[in-house]
Structures are given as C-alpha cells and as structure tokens.
Amino acid sequence: MTDKTIQAHAAESNMEKDPKDWVTGDEPMTGAQRSYLKTLSEEAKEDFDETLTKAEASRRIDELQAKTGRGTPQAR
C-alpha cells in the first residue's frame, strides 16, 4: 500500500479499540497506567484502586481525565 492509501484508511483503523474488547484487558494494569492513575486519583481527590485490570484502568483514566481536565487540549 502507498502512504496515501494508508492515510485514506486510517479513520477505518481499529487502533483505538474499546477496552472491553481488548484481548489482554483482563491482565493487571501496566506500570505506566498505575503511575498515571495514582496521580489522577490524587488530583481528583478520589480513591486509587490498585487492583484494576488494564481495561478498567483505561476507563478510569478517561473518567479522571474528564474530571481533572488533564488530557484535554488547552484553549488558546
């Protein structure tokens, strides 16, 4: 495939799957997820659950990013 063909099909890509569909979603969260989630939990003044799976941690990160404003583009 050419670069133009790849770019044209990029929107159809499944690179960003729903965490519930992840093959490894039931594995323990990664070290990076743990660290970021702990930081977000502290900023949001919410409990940190270190028993979350990869998929659960991903969803929780999304929730806490929305609550804290992290991970969203800054208005200029």
N, C-alpha and C. Protein backbone atom coordinates (compact mmCIF):
# COMPACT_ATOMS: atom_id res chain seq x y z
N MET A 1 0.83 -1.19 0.00
CA MET A 1 0.00 0.00 0.00
C MET A 1 0.87 1.25 0.00
N THR A 2 0.37 2.26 -0.63
CA THR A 2 1.08 3.52 -0.62
C THR A 2 0.71 4.31 0.63
N ASP A 3 1.51 5.31 0.94
CA ASP A 3 1.21 6.16 2.10
C ASP A 3 -0.16 6.80 1.99
N LYS A 4 -0.53 7.24 0.78
CA LYS A 4 -1.84 7.87 0.60
C LYS A 4 -2.97 6.90 0.86
N THR A 5 -2.78 5.65 0.44
CA THR A 5 -3.80 4.64 0.68
C THR A 5 -3.92 4.36 2.17
N ILE A 6 -2.81 4.24 2.84
CA ILE A 6 -2.80 4.00 4.29
C ILE A 6 -3.49 5.16 5.01
N GLN A 7 -3.15 6.38 4.64
CA GLN A 7 -3.75 7.54 5.27
C GLN A 7 -5.25 7.61 5.00
N ALA A 8 -5.66 7.23 3.80
CA ALA A 8 -7.08 7.26 3.47
C ALA A 8 -7.88 6.28 4.30
N HIS A 9 -7.25 5.18 4.72
CA HIS A 9 -7.94 4.17 5.51
C HIS A 9 -7.68 4.30 7.02
N ALA A 10 -6.97 5.31 7.41
CA ALA A 10 -6.63 5.48 8.83
C ALA A 10 -7.86 5.62 9.70
N ALA A 11 -8.87 6.31 9.21
CA ALA A 11 -10.09 6.50 10.00
C ALA A 11 -10.83 5.19 10.21
N GLU A 12 -10.61 4.23 9.33
CA GLU A 12 -11.27 2.93 9.44
C GLU A 12 -10.51 1.98 10.35
N SER A 13 -9.35 2.39 10.81
CA SER A 13 -8.48 1.55 11.62
C SER A 13 -9.11 1.22 12.96
N ASN A 14 -8.73 0.08 13.51
CA ASN A 14 -9.20 -0.29 14.84
C ASN A 14 -8.10 -0.09 15.87
N MET A 15 -7.21 0.87 15.61
CA MET A 15 -6.10 1.11 16.52
C MET A 15 -6.59 1.52 17.90
N GLU A 16 -7.76 2.10 17.99
CA GLU A 16 -8.28 2.53 19.27
C GLU A 16 -9.54 1.72 19.59
N LYS A 17 -9.31 0.53 20.10
CA LYS A 17 -10.42 -0.36 20.45
C LYS A 17 -11.01 0.03 21.80
N ASP A 18 -12.25 -0.31 21.98
CA ASP A 18 -12.89 -0.16 23.27
C ASP A 18 -12.19 -1.12 24.24
N PRO A 19 -11.80 -0.65 25.42
CA PRO A 19 -11.10 -1.52 26.37
C PRO A 19 -11.81 -2.85 26.65
N LYS A 20 -13.15 -2.88 26.57
CA LYS A 20 -13.85 -4.14 26.84
C LYS A 20 -13.54 -5.19 25.77
N ASP A 21 -13.02 -4.75 24.61
CA ASP A 21 -12.70 -5.66 23.52
C ASP A 21 -11.22 -6.05 23.49
N TRP A 22 -10.42 -5.55 24.42
CA TRP A 22 -9.00 -5.87 24.43
C TRP A 22 -8.78 -7.33 24.78
N VAL A 23 -7.90 -8.00 24.06
CA VAL A 23 -7.56 -9.39 24.34
C VAL A 23 -6.85 -9.49 25.70
N THR A 24 -6.03 -8.50 26.01
CA THR A 24 -5.27 -8.51 27.27
C THR A 24 -5.90 -7.62 28.33
N GLY A 25 -7.15 -7.23 28.13
CA GLY A 25 -7.80 -6.30 29.04
C GLY A 25 -7.96 -6.80 30.46
N ASP A 26 -7.95 -8.13 30.64
CA ASP A 26 -8.13 -8.67 31.98
C ASP A 26 -6.80 -8.85 32.73
N GLU A 27 -5.70 -8.48 32.11
CA GLU A 27 -4.40 -8.54 32.78
C GLU A 27 -4.28 -7.35 33.74
N PRO A 28 -3.38 -7.45 34.72
CA PRO A 28 -3.19 -6.32 35.64
C PRO A 28 -2.75 -5.07 34.88
N MET A 29 -3.14 -3.90 35.39
CA MET A 29 -2.75 -2.65 34.74
C MET A 29 -1.23 -2.57 34.62
N THR A 30 -0.77 -1.81 33.66
CA THR A 30 0.65 -1.64 33.44
C THR A 30 1.23 -0.67 34.48
N GLY A 31 2.53 -0.64 34.57
CA GLY A 31 3.20 0.30 35.48
C GLY A 31 2.89 1.74 35.11
N ALA A 32 2.85 2.03 33.83
CA ALA A 32 2.55 3.40 33.38
C ALA A 32 1.12 3.78 33.75
N GLN A 33 0.18 2.85 33.56
CA GLN A 33 -1.21 3.12 33.94
C GLN A 33 -1.30 3.36 35.44
N ARG A 34 -0.63 2.52 36.22
CA ARG A 34 -0.66 2.64 37.69
C ARG A 34 -0.17 4.01 38.13
N SER A 35 0.95 4.43 37.58
CA SER A 35 1.54 5.72 37.96
C SER A 35 0.63 6.89 37.60
N TYR A 36 0.12 6.89 36.37
CA TYR A 36 -0.73 7.99 35.92
C TYR A 36 -2.06 7.99 36.66
N LEU A 37 -2.61 6.82 36.87
CA LEU A 37 -3.87 6.71 37.57
C LEU A 37 -3.75 7.17 39.02
N LYS A 38 -2.64 6.87 39.64
CA LYS A 38 -2.40 7.32 41.02
C LYS A 38 -2.35 8.85 41.06
N THR A 39 -1.65 9.44 40.11
CA THR A 39 -1.56 10.90 40.03
C THR A 39 -2.94 11.52 39.81
N LEU A 40 -3.68 10.97 38.85
CA LEU A 40 -5.03 11.50 38.57
C LEU A 40 -5.94 11.34 39.78
N SER A 41 -5.86 10.21 40.45
CA SER A 41 -6.69 9.96 41.62
C SER A 41 -6.41 10.99 42.71
N GLU A 42 -5.14 11.28 42.93
CA GLU A 42 -4.77 12.27 43.94
C GLU A 42 -5.30 13.65 43.56
N GLU A 43 -5.15 14.03 42.30
CA GLU A 43 -5.63 15.34 41.85
C GLU A 43 -7.14 15.45 41.95
N ALA A 44 -7.85 14.36 41.68
CA ALA A 44 -9.31 14.36 41.73
C ALA A 44 -9.83 14.11 43.14
N LYS A 45 -8.90 13.84 44.06
CA LYS A 45 -9.27 13.53 45.45
C LYS A 45 -10.21 12.33 45.50
N GLU A 46 -9.85 11.30 44.74
CA GLU A 46 -10.61 10.06 44.69
C GLU A 46 -9.70 8.90 45.07
N ASP A 47 -10.32 7.82 45.53
CA ASP A 47 -9.54 6.65 45.91
C ASP A 47 -8.85 6.03 44.70
N PHE A 48 -7.66 5.50 44.94
CA PHE A 48 -6.89 4.80 43.92
C PHE A 48 -7.06 3.30 44.15
N ASP A 49 -7.54 2.59 43.14
CA ASP A 49 -7.75 1.15 43.23
C ASP A 49 -6.63 0.45 42.47
N GLU A 50 -5.70 -0.13 43.21
CA GLU A 50 -4.55 -0.76 42.56
C GLU A 50 -4.86 -2.16 42.02
N THR A 51 -6.10 -2.62 42.15
CA THR A 51 -6.45 -3.95 41.68
C THR A 51 -7.10 -3.94 40.29
N LEU A 52 -7.17 -2.78 39.65
CA LEU A 52 -7.83 -2.68 38.35
C LEU A 52 -7.06 -3.44 37.26
N THR A 53 -7.81 -3.94 36.29
CA THR A 53 -7.20 -4.56 35.12
C THR A 53 -6.77 -3.47 34.15
N LYS A 54 -6.09 -3.86 33.08
CA LYS A 54 -5.69 -2.89 32.05
C LYS A 54 -6.91 -2.15 31.50
N ALA A 55 -7.95 -2.90 31.18
CA ALA A 55 -9.14 -2.29 30.59
C ALA A 55 -9.84 -1.37 31.60
N GLU A 56 -9.98 -1.82 32.83
CA GLU A 56 -10.62 -1.00 33.86
C GLU A 56 -9.82 0.26 34.13
N ALA A 57 -8.50 0.13 34.16
CA ALA A 57 -7.63 1.28 34.40
C ALA A 57 -7.76 2.30 33.27
N SER A 58 -7.85 1.82 32.05
CA SER A 58 -8.01 2.71 30.90
C SER A 58 -9.29 3.52 31.01
N ARG A 59 -10.38 2.84 31.36
CA ARG A 59 -11.66 3.55 31.51
C ARG A 59 -11.60 4.54 32.67
N ARG A 60 -10.96 4.14 33.77
CA ARG A 60 -10.86 5.02 34.94
C ARG A 60 -10.01 6.25 34.63
N ILE A 61 -8.95 6.04 33.87
CA ILE A 61 -8.11 7.17 33.45
C ILE A 61 -8.95 8.16 32.64
N ASP A 62 -9.75 7.65 31.71
CA ASP A 62 -10.62 8.54 30.92
C ASP A 62 -11.56 9.33 31.82
N GLU A 63 -12.16 8.66 32.81
CA GLU A 63 -13.08 9.33 33.74
C GLU A 63 -12.38 10.43 34.52
N LEU A 64 -11.20 10.10 35.05
CA LEU A 64 -10.50 11.07 35.88
C LEU A 64 -9.89 12.20 35.05
N GLN A 65 -9.50 11.92 33.81
CA GLN A 65 -9.03 12.99 32.94
C GLN A 65 -10.15 13.99 32.71
N ALA A 66 -11.35 13.49 32.49
CA ALA A 66 -12.50 14.37 32.28
C ALA A 66 -12.76 15.21 33.53
N LYS A 67 -12.63 14.58 34.68
CA LYS A 67 -12.90 15.28 35.94
C LYS A 67 -11.85 16.33 36.24
N THR A 68 -10.57 16.02 35.97
CA THR A 68 -9.48 16.94 36.32
C THR A 68 -9.11 17.89 35.20
N GLY A 69 -9.56 17.61 33.97
CA GLY A 69 -9.19 18.45 32.84
C GLY A 69 -7.87 18.05 32.22
N ARG A 70 -7.22 17.03 32.76
CA ARG A 70 -5.97 16.54 32.17
C ARG A 70 -6.28 15.77 30.90
N GLY A 71 -5.34 15.80 29.96
CA GLY A 71 -5.50 15.04 28.74
C GLY A 71 -6.42 15.69 27.74
N THR A 72 -6.86 16.92 28.01
CA THR A 72 -7.70 17.64 27.07
C THR A 72 -6.91 18.81 26.51
N PRO A 73 -7.12 19.15 25.26
CA PRO A 73 -6.40 20.28 24.67
C PRO A 73 -6.71 21.58 25.42
N GLN A 74 -5.71 22.38 25.62
CA GLN A 74 -5.86 23.67 26.29
C GLN A 74 -6.36 24.71 25.30
N ALA A 75 -7.31 25.50 25.71
CA ALA A 75 -7.79 26.60 24.86
C ALA A 75 -6.72 27.68 24.81
N ARG A 76 -6.52 28.21 23.63
CA ARG A 76 -5.50 29.27 23.49
C ARG A 76 -6.12 30.56 23.08
